[in-house]
PDB file of N, CA and C in Angstrom:
ATOM      1  N   MET A   1       3.210  13.846 -23.085  1.00  0.00           N
ATOM      2  CA  MET A   1       2.432  12.639 -23.318  1.00  0.00           C
ATOM      3  C   MET A   1       1.389  12.493 -22.211  1.00  0.00           C
ATOM      4  N   ARG A   2       0.260  11.954 -22.564  1.00  0.00           N
ATOM      5  CA  ARG A   2      -0.811  11.773 -21.587  1.00  0.00           C
ATOM      6  C   ARG A   2      -0.443  10.687 -20.585  1.00  0.00           C
ATOM      7  N   ARG A   3      -1.067  10.748 -19.410  1.00  0.00           N
ATOM      8  CA  ARG A   3      -0.739   9.806 -18.337  1.00  0.00           C
ATOM      9  C   ARG A   3      -1.451   8.472 -18.483  1.00  0.00           C
ATOM     10  N   MET A   4      -2.632   8.475 -19.088  1.00  0.00           N
ATOM     11  CA  MET A   4      -3.446   7.265 -19.109  1.00  0.00           C
ATOM     12  C   MET A   4      -2.728   6.076 -19.753  1.00  0.00           C
ATOM     13  N   PRO A   5      -2.060   6.228 -20.898  1.00  0.00           N
ATOM     14  CA  PRO A   5      -1.367   5.060 -21.453  1.00  0.00           C
ATOM     15  C   PRO A   5      -0.286   4.516 -20.527  1.00  0.00           C
ATOM     16  N   TRP A   6       0.433   5.402 -19.825  1.00  0.00           N
ATOM     17  CA  TRP A   6       1.474   4.953 -18.909  1.00  0.00           C
ATOM     18  C   TRP A   6       0.883   4.184 -17.743  1.00  0.00           C
ATOM     19  N   ILE A   7      -0.247   4.660 -17.234  1.00  0.00           N
ATOM     20  CA  ILE A   7      -0.898   3.972 -16.123  1.00  0.00           C
ATOM     21  C   ILE A   7      -1.364   2.591 -16.566  1.00  0.00           C
ATOM     22  N   LEU A   8      -1.946   2.504 -17.756  1.00  0.00           N
ATOM     23  CA  LEU A   8      -2.402   1.210 -18.270  1.00  0.00           C
ATOM     24  C   LEU A   8      -1.233   0.257 -18.511  1.00  0.00           C
ATOM     25  N   ILE A   9      -0.142   0.781 -19.038  1.00  0.00           N
ATOM     26  CA  ILE A   9       1.043  -0.053 -19.290  1.00  0.00           C
ATOM     27  C   ILE A   9       1.597  -0.589 -17.969  1.00  0.00           C
ATOM     28  N   LEU A  10       1.716   0.275 -16.957  1.00  0.00           N
ATOM     29  CA  LEU A  10       2.254  -0.164 -15.666  1.00  0.00           C
ATOM     30  C   LEU A  10       1.317  -1.152 -14.973  1.00  0.00           C
ATOM     31  N   ALA A  11       0.008  -0.919 -15.070  1.00  0.00           N
ATOM     32  CA  ALA A  11      -0.948  -1.846 -14.462  1.00  0.00           C
ATOM     33  C   ALA A  11      -0.888  -3.208 -15.149  1.00  0.00           C
ATOM     34  N   THR A  12      -0.809  -3.207 -16.475  1.00  0.00           N
ATOM     35  CA  THR A  12      -0.707  -4.466 -17.217  1.00  0.00           C
ATOM     36  C   THR A  12       0.574  -5.196 -16.863  1.00  0.00           C
ATOM     37  N   LEU A  13       1.673  -4.472 -16.770  1.00  0.00           N
ATOM     38  CA  LEU A  13       2.951  -5.079 -16.410  1.00  0.00           C
ATOM     39  C   LEU A  13       2.892  -5.690 -15.006  1.00  0.00           C
ATOM     40  N   ALA A  14       2.281  -4.984 -14.068  1.00  0.00           N
ATOM     41  CA  ALA A  14       2.160  -5.511 -12.703  1.00  0.00           C
ATOM     42  C   ALA A  14       1.307  -6.781 -12.684  1.00  0.00           C
ATOM     43  N   ILE A  15       0.241  -6.809 -13.454  1.00  0.00           N
ATOM     44  CA  ILE A  15      -0.619  -7.996 -13.503  1.00  0.00           C
ATOM     45  C   ILE A  15       0.120  -9.174 -14.116  1.00  0.00           C
ATOM     46  N   VAL A  16       0.828  -8.934 -15.207  1.00  0.00           N
ATOM     47  CA  VAL A  16       1.565 -10.020 -15.869  1.00  0.00           C
ATOM     48  C   VAL A  16       2.654 -10.567 -14.946  1.00  0.00           C
ATOM     49  N   ILE A  17       3.388  -9.689 -14.281  1.00  0.00           N
ATOM     50  CA  ILE A  17       4.440 -10.146 -13.362  1.00  0.00           C
ATOM     51  C   ILE A  17       3.816 -10.910 -12.199  1.00  0.00           C
ATOM     52  N   GLY A  18       2.680 -10.423 -11.687  1.00  0.00           N
ATOM     53  CA  GLY A  18       2.002 -11.120 -10.602  1.00  0.00           C
ATOM     54  C   GLY A  18       1.543 -12.509 -11.003  1.00  0.00           C
ATOM     55  N   LEU A  19       1.002 -12.637 -12.209  1.00  0.00           N
ATOM     56  CA  LEU A  19       0.572 -13.953 -12.684  1.00  0.00           C
ATOM     57  C   LEU A  19       1.766 -14.883 -12.874  1.00  0.00           C
ATOM     58  N   PHE A  20       2.850 -14.355 -13.401  1.00  0.00           N
ATOM     59  CA  PHE A  20       4.044 -15.166 -13.630  1.00  0.00           C
ATOM     60  C   PHE A  20       4.640 -15.649 -12.312  1.00  0.00           C
ATOM     61  N   MET A  21       4.708 -14.761 -11.318  1.00  0.00           N
ATOM     62  CA  MET A  21       5.279 -15.132 -10.029  1.00  0.00           C
ATOM     63  C   MET A  21       4.343 -16.053  -9.246  1.00  0.00           C
ATOM     64  N   GLY A  22       3.051 -15.897  -9.446  1.00  0.00           N
ATOM     65  CA  GLY A  22       2.096 -16.726  -8.722  1.00  0.00           C
ATOM     66  C   GLY A  22       2.082 -18.170  -9.179  1.00  0.00           C
ATOM     67  N   ARG A  23       2.556 -18.431 -10.381  1.00  0.00           N
ATOM     68  CA  ARG A  23       2.573 -19.802 -10.900  1.00  0.00           C
ATOM     69  C   ARG A  23       3.659 -20.653 -10.266  1.00  0.00           C
ATOM     70  N   ASP A  24       4.765 -20.031  -9.898  1.00  0.00           N
ATOM     71  CA  ASP A  24       5.887 -20.757  -9.299  1.00  0.00           C
ATOM     72  C   ASP A  24       5.568 -21.027  -7.830  1.00  0.00           C
ATOM     73  N   PRO A  25       5.334 -22.297  -7.443  1.00  0.00           N
ATOM     74  CA  PRO A  25       4.937 -22.582  -6.058  1.00  0.00           C
ATOM     75  C   PRO A  25       5.986 -22.172  -5.020  1.00  0.00           C
ATOM     76  N   GLU A  26       7.255 -22.348  -5.344  1.00  0.00           N
ATOM     77  CA  GLU A  26       8.300 -21.970  -4.395  1.00  0.00           C
ATOM     78  C   GLU A  26       8.310 -20.465  -4.162  1.00  0.00           C
ATOM     79  N   HIS A  27       8.215 -19.726  -5.261  1.00  0.00           N
ATOM     80  CA  HIS A  27       8.229 -18.271  -5.134  1.00  0.00           C
ATOM     81  C   HIS A  27       6.972 -17.784  -4.415  1.00  0.00           C
ATOM     82  N   ALA A  28       5.835 -18.397  -4.703  1.00  0.00           N
ATOM     83  CA  ALA A  28       4.595 -18.025  -4.036  1.00  0.00           C
ATOM     84  C   ALA A  28       4.691 -18.296  -2.530  1.00  0.00           C
ATOM     85  N   ALA A  29       5.304 -19.406  -2.156  1.00  0.00           N
ATOM     86  CA  ALA A  29       5.469 -19.725  -0.734  1.00  0.00           C
ATOM     87  C   ALA A  29       6.401 -18.722  -0.059  1.00  0.00           C
ATOM     88  N   ARG A  30       7.477 -18.348  -0.742  1.00  0.00           N
ATOM     89  CA  ARG A  30       8.402 -17.358  -0.172  1.00  0.00           C
ATOM     90  C   ARG A  30       7.717 -16.004  -0.010  1.00  0.00           C
ATOM     91  N   LEU A  31       6.929 -15.604  -1.020  1.00  0.00           N
ATOM     92  CA  LEU A  31       6.208 -14.341  -0.918  1.00  0.00           C
ATOM     93  C   LEU A  31       5.203 -14.370   0.233  1.00  0.00           C
ATOM     94  N   SER A  32       4.515 -15.489   0.393  1.00  0.00           N
ATOM     95  CA  SER A  32       3.550 -15.625   1.477  1.00  0.00           C
ATOM     96  C   SER A  32       4.244 -15.521   2.836  1.00  0.00           C
ATOM     97  N   GLU A  33       5.390 -16.193   2.965  1.00  0.00           N
ATOM     98  CA  GLU A  33       6.156 -16.127   4.211  1.00  0.00           C
ATOM     99  C   GLU A  33       6.658 -14.712   4.464  1.00  0.00           C
ATOM    100  N   MET A  34       7.103 -14.037   3.412  1.00  0.00           N
ATOM    101  CA  MET A  34       7.580 -12.667   3.552  1.00  0.00           C
ATOM    102  C   MET A  34       6.457 -11.758   4.038  1.00  0.00           C
ATOM    103  N   HIS A  35       5.264 -11.914   3.481  1.00  0.00           N
ATOM    104  CA  HIS A  35       4.127 -11.094   3.908  1.00  0.00           C
ATOM    105  C   HIS A  35       3.784 -11.356   5.370  1.00  0.00           C
ATOM    106  N   ARG A  36       3.863 -12.592   5.807  1.00  0.00           N
ATOM    107  CA  ARG A  36       3.598 -12.906   7.213  1.00  0.00           C
ATOM    108  C   ARG A  36       4.647 -12.281   8.127  1.00  0.00           C
ATOM    109  N   ASN A  37       5.910 -12.311   7.709  1.00  0.00           N
ATOM    110  CA  ASN A  37       6.993 -11.760   8.533  1.00  0.00           C
ATOM    111  C   ASN A  37       6.935 -10.238   8.615  1.00  0.00           C
ATOM    112  N   VAL A  38       6.476  -9.601   7.558  1.00  0.00           N
ATOM    113  CA  VAL A  38       6.457  -8.143   7.506  1.00  0.00           C
ATOM    114  C   VAL A  38       5.214  -7.567   8.175  1.00  0.00           C
ATOM    115  N   ALA A  39       4.185  -8.365   8.324  1.00  0.00           N
ATOM    116  CA  ALA A  39       2.925  -7.877   8.880  1.00  0.00           C
ATOM    117  C   ALA A  39       3.134  -7.317  10.290  1.00  0.00           C
ATOM    118  N   LEU A  40       2.421  -6.243  10.570  1.00  0.00           N
ATOM    119  CA  LEU A  40       2.528  -5.608  11.877  1.00  0.00           C
ATOM    120  C   LEU A  40       1.761  -6.412  12.921  1.00  0.00           C
ATOM    121  N   THR A  41       2.279  -6.429  14.137  1.00  0.00           N
ATOM    122  CA  THR A  41       1.571  -7.101  15.222  1.00  0.00           C
ATOM    123  C   THR A  41       0.393  -6.236  15.667  1.00  0.00           C
ATOM    124  N   GLY A  42      -0.449  -6.761  16.524  1.00  0.00           N
ATOM    125  CA  GLY A  42      -1.655  -6.056  16.947  1.00  0.00           C
ATOM    126  C   GLY A  42      -1.392  -4.697  17.565  1.00  0.00           C
ATOM    127  N   ASP A  43      -0.472  -4.630  18.536  1.00  0.00           N
ATOM    128  CA  ASP A  43      -0.182  -3.360  19.218  1.00  0.00           C
ATOM    129  C   ASP A  43       0.443  -2.353  18.261  1.00  0.00           C
ATOM    130  N   THR A  44       1.358  -2.801  17.443  1.00  0.00           N
ATOM    131  CA  THR A  44       2.010  -1.906  16.496  1.00  0.00           C
ATOM    132  C   THR A  44       0.997  -1.378  15.490  1.00  0.00           C
ATOM    133  N   ARG A  45       0.123  -2.249  15.008  1.00  0.00           N
ATOM    134  CA  ARG A  45      -0.905  -1.831  14.048  1.00  0.00           C
ATOM    135  C   ARG A  45      -1.823  -0.787  14.668  1.00  0.00           C
ATOM    136  N   ASP A  46      -2.226  -0.998  15.926  1.00  0.00           N
ATOM    137  CA  ASP A  46      -3.071  -0.023  16.605  1.00  0.00           C
ATOM    138  C   ASP A  46      -2.377   1.326  16.735  1.00  0.00           C
ATOM    139  N   MET A  47      -1.095   1.299  17.081  1.00  0.00           N
ATOM    140  CA  MET A  47      -0.342   2.540  17.238  1.00  0.00           C
ATOM    141  C   MET A  47      -0.215   3.278  15.903  1.00  0.00           C
ATOM    142  N   VAL A  48       0.078   2.548  14.844  1.00  0.00           N
ATOM    143  CA  VAL A  48       0.212   3.169  13.518  1.00  0.00           C
ATOM    144  C   VAL A  48      -1.123   3.767  13.083  1.00  0.00           C
ATOM    145  N   LEU A  49      -2.223   3.051  13.284  1.00  0.00           N
ATOM    146  CA  LEU A  49      -3.533   3.577  12.913  1.00  0.00           C
ATOM    147  C   LEU A  49      -3.892   4.806  13.736  1.00  0.00           C
ATOM    148  N   MET A  50      -3.545   4.805  15.021  1.00  0.00           N
ATOM    149  CA  MET A  50      -3.804   5.966  15.874  1.00  0.00           C
ATOM    150  C   MET A  50      -3.016   7.177  15.386  1.00  0.00           C
ATOM    151  N   LEU A  51      -1.737   6.987  15.097  1.00  0.00           N
ATOM    152  CA  LEU A  51      -0.925   8.095  14.592  1.00  0.00           C
ATOM    153  C   LEU A  51      -1.433   8.595  13.249  1.00  0.00           C
ATOM    154  N   LEU A  52      -1.854   7.687  12.390  1.00  0.00           N
ATOM    155  CA  LEU A  52      -2.399   8.075  11.087  1.00  0.00           C
ATOM    156  C   LEU A  52      -3.683   8.879  11.264  1.00  0.00           C
ATOM    157  N   ALA A  53      -4.557   8.444  12.161  1.00  0.00           N
ATOM    158  CA  ALA A  53      -5.807   9.169  12.416  1.00  0.00           C
ATOM    159  C   ALA A  53      -5.522  10.557  12.986  1.00  0.00           C
ATOM    160  N   LEU A  54      -4.569  10.653  13.911  1.00  0.00           N
ATOM    161  CA  LEU A  54      -4.207  11.951  14.477  1.00  0.00           C
ATOM    162  C   LEU A  54      -3.607  12.874  13.416  1.00  0.00           C
ATOM    163  N   GLY A  55      -2.770  12.318  12.558  1.00  0.00           N
ATOM    164  CA  GLY A  55      -2.175  13.110  11.484  1.00  0.00           C
ATOM    165  C   GLY A  55      -3.220  13.636  10.512  1.00  0.00           C
ATOM    166  N   ILE A  56      -4.153  12.784  10.123  1.00  0.00           N
ATOM    167  CA  ILE A  56      -5.214  13.217   9.208  1.00  0.00           C
ATOM    168  C   ILE A  56      -6.103  14.257   9.894  1.00  0.00           C
ATOM    169  N   GLY A  57      -6.429  14.030  11.168  1.00  0.00           N
ATOM    170  CA  GLY A  57      -7.226  15.000  11.909  1.00  0.00           C
ATOM    171  C   GLY A  57      -6.529  16.344  12.021  1.00  0.00           C
ATOM    172  N   ALA A  58      -5.239  16.325  12.312  1.00  0.00           N
ATOM    173  CA  ALA A  58      -4.473  17.568  12.405  1.00  0.00           C
ATOM    174  C   ALA A  58      -4.439  18.284  11.066  1.00  0.00           C
ATOM    175  N   PHE A  59      -4.325  17.545   9.987  1.00  0.00           N
ATOM    176  CA  PHE A  59      -4.306  18.149   8.656  1.00  0.00           C
ATOM    177  C   PHE A  59      -5.660  18.786   8.333  1.00  0.00           C
ATOM    178  N   VAL A  60      -6.747  18.129   8.698  1.00  0.00           N
ATOM    179  CA  VAL A  60      -8.088  18.686   8.463  1.00  0.00           C
ATOM    180  C   VAL A  60      -8.265  19.961   9.268  1.00  0.00           C
ATOM    181  N   VAL A  61      -7.825  19.954  10.535  1.00  0.00           N
ATOM    182  CA  VAL A  61      -7.918  21.162  11.359  1.00  0.00           C
ATOM    183  C   VAL A  61      -7.078  22.272  10.762  1.00  0.00           C
ATOM    184  N   TYR A  62      -5.882  21.960  10.304  1.00  0.00           N
ATOM    185  CA  TYR A  62      -5.013  22.955   9.670  1.00  0.00           C
ATOM    186  C   TYR A  62      -5.690  23.567   8.453  1.00  0.00           C
ATOM    187  N   LEU A  63      -6.267  22.726   7.593  1.00  0.00           N
ATOM    188  CA  LEU A  63      -6.935  23.247   6.414  1.00  0.00           C
ATOM    189  C   LEU A  63      -8.148  24.090   6.781  1.00  0.00           C
ATOM    190  N   THR A  64      -8.870  23.677   7.829  1.00  0.00           N
ATOM    191  CA  THR A  64     -10.038  24.428   8.267  1.00  0.00           C
ATOM    192  C   THR A  64      -9.644  25.802   8.793  1.00  0.00           C
ATOM    193  N   MET A  65      -8.558  25.861   9.541  1.00  0.00           N
ATOM    194  CA  MET A  65      -8.140  27.128  10.130  1.00  0.00           C
ATOM    195  C   MET A  65      -7.506  28.071   9.120  1.00  0.00           C
ATOM    196  N   THR A  66      -6.813  27.559   8.129  1.00  0.00           N
ATOM    197  CA  THR A  66      -6.097  28.420   7.212  1.00  0.00           C
ATOM    198  C   THR A  66      -6.935  28.874   6.026  1.00  0.00           C
ATOM    199  N   ARG A  67      -8.033  28.228   5.728  1.00  0.00           N
ATOM    200  CA  ARG A  67      -8.878  28.621   4.587  1.00  0.00           C
ATOM    201  C   ARG A  67     -10.107  29.336   5.120  1.00  0.00           C
ATOM    202  N   ARG A  68     -10.182  30.599   4.854  1.00  0.00           N
ATOM    203  CA  ARG A  68     -11.349  31.382   5.330  1.00  0.00           C
ATOM    204  C   ARG A  68     -12.122  31.939   4.207  1.00  0.00           C
TER     205      ARG A  68
END
């Protein structure tokens, strides 16, 4: 089976669930609080971005060296 219908079905389902959950003020407040609690602090975010940049850079160098 082709992938496009599955992607559209999953995207539609995610949108419908998001709209349904967004209407409930209590649930929306809990989700907002959860997002605030899970968010990375400044130093942690900087460290994660640095590691991600180094990883991507290392991967680019690896691809450059191995493909001739």
